[in-house]
């Protein structure tokens, strides 16, 4: 059994898939799919084989992917600003 510290992560809007705010505060008028970036809810996506990232604007991964370079960059930035993320213990 391996334990992993639960770090704070950057917030991502569930409506437009962009970082820095939540859906309640989003000013975009339509939902953006986290899988294909088209204008529909992620749960209604029919393009299951197509993945695009809103942040990176690439076809290498979906917006929700943990391997997104933009997410990794933002996590590193947050780690440097949030002392709790850098503490080795819980």
N, C-alpha and C. Protein backbone atom coordinates (compact mmCIF):
# COMPACT_ATOMS: atom_id res chain seq x y z
N UNK A 1 0.84 -1.18 0.00
CA UNK A 1 0.00 0.00 0.00
C UNK A 1 0.89 1.24 0.00
N UNK A 2 0.65 2.10 -0.97
CA UNK A 2 1.45 3.32 -1.05
C UNK A 2 0.54 4.52 -0.85
N UNK A 3 0.90 5.38 0.09
CA UNK A 3 0.13 6.57 0.36
C UNK A 3 0.68 7.74 -0.45
N UNK A 4 -0.23 8.62 -0.83
CA UNK A 4 0.18 9.80 -1.59
C UNK A 4 -0.49 11.01 -0.96
N UNK A 5 0.27 12.05 -0.78
CA UNK A 5 -0.26 13.27 -0.18
C UNK A 5 -1.29 13.90 -1.11
N UNK A 6 -2.39 14.35 -0.54
CA UNK A 6 -3.44 15.00 -1.30
C UNK A 6 -3.10 16.48 -1.43
N UNK A 7 -2.50 16.86 -2.55
CA UNK A 7 -2.08 18.24 -2.77
C UNK A 7 -3.21 19.08 -3.34
N UNK A 8 -3.14 20.37 -3.06
CA UNK A 8 -4.06 21.30 -3.71
C UNK A 8 -3.67 21.40 -5.17
N UNK A 9 -4.66 21.47 -6.04
CA UNK A 9 -4.39 21.57 -7.48
C UNK A 9 -5.09 22.79 -8.06
N UNK A 10 -4.66 23.23 -9.23
CA UNK A 10 -5.31 24.36 -9.88
C UNK A 10 -6.78 24.04 -10.16
N UNK A 11 -7.64 25.04 -10.04
CA UNK A 11 -9.05 24.81 -10.33
C UNK A 11 -9.29 24.92 -11.84
N UNK A 12 -10.20 24.08 -12.33
CA UNK A 12 -10.54 24.08 -13.76
C UNK A 12 -12.05 24.15 -13.88
N UNK A 13 -12.53 25.02 -14.72
CA UNK A 13 -13.96 25.20 -14.93
C UNK A 13 -14.56 23.99 -15.64
N UNK A 14 -15.66 23.47 -15.10
CA UNK A 14 -16.33 22.32 -15.70
C UNK A 14 -17.19 22.73 -16.89
N UNK A 15 -17.33 24.03 -17.12
CA UNK A 15 -18.13 24.52 -18.24
C UNK A 15 -17.27 24.81 -19.48
N UNK A 16 -16.21 25.60 -19.31
CA UNK A 16 -15.37 25.98 -20.45
C UNK A 16 -14.04 25.23 -20.49
N UNK A 17 -13.74 24.47 -19.44
CA UNK A 17 -12.52 23.65 -19.32
C UNK A 17 -11.24 24.47 -19.17
N UNK A 18 -11.35 25.74 -18.87
CA UNK A 18 -10.16 26.58 -18.68
C UNK A 18 -9.82 26.66 -17.19
N UNK A 19 -8.57 26.96 -16.91
CA UNK A 19 -8.10 27.04 -15.53
C UNK A 19 -8.34 28.43 -14.95
N UNK A 20 -8.46 28.49 -13.63
CA UNK A 20 -8.51 29.77 -12.94
C UNK A 20 -9.87 30.16 -12.39
N UNK A 21 -10.92 29.44 -12.71
CA UNK A 21 -12.25 29.75 -12.19
C UNK A 21 -13.10 28.48 -12.20
N UNK A 22 -14.28 28.57 -11.60
CA UNK A 22 -15.21 27.43 -11.58
C UNK A 22 -16.44 27.76 -12.42
N UNK A 23 -17.24 26.76 -12.72
CA UNK A 23 -18.39 26.92 -13.62
C UNK A 23 -19.35 28.01 -13.15
N UNK A 24 -19.54 28.11 -11.84
CA UNK A 24 -20.46 29.12 -11.31
C UNK A 24 -20.06 30.53 -11.73
N UNK A 25 -18.76 30.78 -11.87
CA UNK A 25 -18.25 32.10 -12.21
C UNK A 25 -17.90 32.25 -13.69
N UNK A 26 -18.17 31.24 -14.50
CA UNK A 26 -17.80 31.25 -15.91
C UNK A 26 -18.68 32.21 -16.71
N UNK A 27 -18.05 32.98 -17.58
CA UNK A 27 -18.80 33.94 -18.40
C UNK A 27 -19.10 33.41 -19.80
N UNK A 28 -18.60 32.23 -20.11
CA UNK A 28 -18.85 31.64 -21.43
C UNK A 28 -20.33 31.24 -21.51
N UNK A 29 -20.95 31.42 -22.66
CA UNK A 29 -22.38 31.16 -22.82
C UNK A 29 -22.70 29.70 -23.11
N UNK A 30 -21.74 28.92 -23.53
CA UNK A 30 -22.00 27.53 -23.88
C UNK A 30 -21.01 26.61 -23.17
N UNK A 31 -21.36 25.34 -23.05
CA UNK A 31 -20.46 24.35 -22.47
C UNK A 31 -19.44 23.93 -23.52
N UNK A 32 -18.24 23.61 -23.07
CA UNK A 32 -17.20 23.09 -23.94
C UNK A 32 -16.87 21.68 -23.48
N UNK A 33 -16.90 20.75 -24.40
CA UNK A 33 -16.63 19.35 -24.09
C UNK A 33 -15.16 19.16 -23.68
N UNK A 34 -14.94 18.43 -22.59
CA UNK A 34 -13.58 18.18 -22.11
C UNK A 34 -12.86 17.12 -22.95
N UNK A 35 -13.61 16.40 -23.79
CA UNK A 35 -13.01 15.38 -24.65
C UNK A 35 -12.60 15.93 -26.01
N UNK A 36 -13.54 16.61 -26.68
CA UNK A 36 -13.30 17.02 -28.07
C UNK A 36 -13.27 18.54 -28.28
N UNK A 37 -13.55 19.33 -27.27
CA UNK A 37 -13.57 20.80 -27.26
C UNK A 37 -14.70 21.42 -28.09
N UNK A 38 -15.66 20.63 -28.51
CA UNK A 38 -16.80 21.19 -29.24
C UNK A 38 -17.83 21.74 -28.25
N UNK A 39 -18.84 22.45 -28.78
CA UNK A 39 -19.82 23.12 -27.93
C UNK A 39 -20.95 22.18 -27.52
N UNK A 40 -20.69 21.34 -26.54
CA UNK A 40 -21.70 20.49 -25.91
C UNK A 40 -21.13 20.00 -24.58
N UNK A 41 -22.00 19.46 -23.74
CA UNK A 41 -21.54 18.92 -22.46
C UNK A 41 -20.68 17.69 -22.68
N UNK A 42 -19.73 17.48 -21.81
CA UNK A 42 -18.84 16.33 -21.91
C UNK A 42 -19.64 15.03 -21.84
N UNK A 43 -20.67 15.00 -21.01
CA UNK A 43 -21.48 13.79 -20.85
C UNK A 43 -22.28 13.46 -22.11
N UNK A 44 -22.44 14.42 -23.00
CA UNK A 44 -23.20 14.22 -24.24
C UNK A 44 -22.29 14.02 -25.45
N UNK A 45 -21.01 13.84 -25.23
CA UNK A 45 -20.05 13.73 -26.33
C UNK A 45 -20.24 12.43 -27.10
N UNK A 46 -20.29 12.56 -28.42
CA UNK A 46 -20.39 11.39 -29.30
C UNK A 46 -19.07 11.15 -30.04
N UNK A 47 -18.10 12.01 -29.82
CA UNK A 47 -16.78 11.91 -30.46
C UNK A 47 -15.80 11.20 -29.54
N UNK A 48 -16.11 9.99 -29.13
CA UNK A 48 -15.30 9.28 -28.14
C UNK A 48 -13.87 8.99 -28.61
N UNK A 49 -13.64 8.92 -29.90
CA UNK A 49 -12.30 8.63 -30.42
C UNK A 49 -11.47 9.89 -30.64
N UNK A 50 -12.10 11.05 -30.56
CA UNK A 50 -11.43 12.32 -30.80
C UNK A 50 -11.08 12.97 -29.47
N UNK A 51 -9.82 13.30 -29.26
CA UNK A 51 -9.43 14.02 -28.05
C UNK A 51 -8.69 15.29 -28.43
N UNK A 52 -9.05 16.35 -27.75
CA UNK A 52 -8.38 17.65 -27.90
C UNK A 52 -8.31 18.30 -26.54
N UNK A 53 -7.33 19.15 -26.36
CA UNK A 53 -7.16 19.85 -25.09
C UNK A 53 -7.43 21.34 -25.29
N UNK A 54 -8.31 21.89 -24.46
CA UNK A 54 -8.62 23.31 -24.53
C UNK A 54 -7.39 24.14 -24.18
N UNK A 55 -6.65 23.73 -23.16
CA UNK A 55 -5.49 24.50 -22.69
C UNK A 55 -4.31 24.47 -23.66
N UNK A 56 -4.00 23.29 -24.16
CA UNK A 56 -2.82 23.12 -25.04
C UNK A 56 -3.14 23.32 -26.51
N UNK A 57 -4.41 23.18 -26.85
CA UNK A 57 -4.85 23.26 -28.25
C UNK A 57 -4.16 22.19 -29.10
N UNK A 58 -4.02 20.99 -28.54
CA UNK A 58 -3.42 19.87 -29.26
C UNK A 58 -4.38 18.69 -29.28
N UNK A 59 -4.08 17.74 -30.15
CA UNK A 59 -4.88 16.51 -30.24
C UNK A 59 -4.21 15.36 -29.49
N UNK A 60 -3.21 15.65 -28.69
CA UNK A 60 -2.47 14.61 -27.98
C UNK A 60 -3.19 14.04 -26.77
N UNK A 61 -4.10 14.81 -26.19
CA UNK A 61 -4.80 14.38 -24.99
C UNK A 61 -6.07 15.21 -24.81
N UNK A 62 -6.97 14.75 -23.94
CA UNK A 62 -8.20 15.47 -23.63
C UNK A 62 -7.91 16.55 -22.58
N UNK A 63 -8.85 17.46 -22.39
CA UNK A 63 -8.67 18.56 -21.44
C UNK A 63 -8.53 18.07 -20.00
N UNK A 64 -9.07 16.91 -19.70
CA UNK A 64 -9.03 16.37 -18.34
C UNK A 64 -7.79 15.54 -18.06
N UNK A 65 -6.93 15.33 -19.03
CA UNK A 65 -5.78 14.43 -18.88
C UNK A 65 -4.79 14.91 -17.82
N UNK A 66 -4.34 13.99 -17.00
CA UNK A 66 -3.36 14.30 -15.95
C UNK A 66 -1.98 14.56 -16.55
N UNK A 67 -1.77 14.21 -17.81
CA UNK A 67 -0.48 14.41 -18.47
C UNK A 67 -0.41 15.72 -19.24
N UNK A 68 -1.41 16.55 -19.13
CA UNK A 68 -1.44 17.83 -19.85
C UNK A 68 -0.28 18.71 -19.37
N UNK A 69 0.55 19.19 -20.29
CA UNK A 69 1.67 20.05 -19.90
C UNK A 69 1.22 21.33 -19.18
N UNK A 70 0.06 21.86 -19.56
CA UNK A 70 -0.44 23.06 -18.90
C UNK A 70 -0.83 22.76 -17.45
N UNK A 71 -1.46 21.61 -17.21
CA UNK A 71 -1.79 21.21 -15.84
C UNK A 71 -0.51 21.01 -15.04
N UNK A 72 0.46 20.33 -15.61
CA UNK A 72 1.72 20.10 -14.91
C UNK A 72 2.42 21.41 -14.58
N UNK A 73 2.40 22.35 -15.50
CA UNK A 73 3.01 23.67 -15.27
C UNK A 73 2.30 24.40 -14.14
N UNK A 74 0.96 24.37 -14.18
CA UNK A 74 0.18 25.05 -13.14
C UNK A 74 0.35 24.38 -11.78
N UNK A 75 0.47 23.07 -11.75
CA UNK A 75 0.71 22.35 -10.48
C UNK A 75 2.06 22.73 -9.90
N UNK A 76 3.07 22.80 -10.74
CA UNK A 76 4.41 23.19 -10.29
C UNK A 76 4.38 24.61 -9.74
N UNK A 77 3.68 25.50 -10.43
CA UNK A 77 3.56 26.89 -9.99
C UNK A 77 2.83 26.96 -8.64
N UNK A 78 1.75 26.21 -8.51
CA UNK A 78 0.99 26.20 -7.26
C UNK A 78 1.81 25.60 -6.13
N UNK A 79 2.57 24.56 -6.41
CA UNK A 79 3.44 23.95 -5.40
C UNK A 79 4.43 24.98 -4.84
N UNK A 80 4.95 25.83 -5.71
CA UNK A 80 5.93 26.82 -5.27
C UNK A 80 5.29 27.92 -4.42
N UNK A 81 3.99 28.13 -4.60
CA UNK A 81 3.30 29.18 -3.83
C UNK A 81 2.56 28.65 -2.61
N UNK A 82 2.23 27.37 -2.58
CA UNK A 82 1.44 26.79 -1.48
C UNK A 82 2.35 25.94 -0.60
N UNK A 83 2.66 26.45 0.57
CA UNK A 83 3.58 25.76 1.48
C UNK A 83 3.07 24.37 1.85
N UNK A 84 1.76 24.18 1.94
CA UNK A 84 1.20 22.88 2.29
C UNK A 84 1.51 21.82 1.26
N UNK A 85 1.63 22.20 -0.01
CA UNK A 85 1.94 21.24 -1.06
C UNK A 85 3.38 20.74 -0.99
N UNK A 86 4.25 21.53 -0.39
CA UNK A 86 5.65 21.14 -0.33
C UNK A 86 6.02 20.41 0.96
N UNK A 87 5.11 20.37 1.92
CA UNK A 87 5.37 19.65 3.18
C UNK A 87 5.40 18.15 2.90
N UNK A 88 6.37 17.44 3.43
CA UNK A 88 6.48 16.01 3.12
C UNK A 88 5.45 15.14 3.84
N UNK A 89 4.86 15.66 4.92
CA UNK A 89 3.91 14.85 5.70
C UNK A 89 2.52 15.45 5.65
N UNK A 90 1.55 14.69 6.10
CA UNK A 90 0.14 15.07 6.01
C UNK A 90 -0.25 16.04 7.05
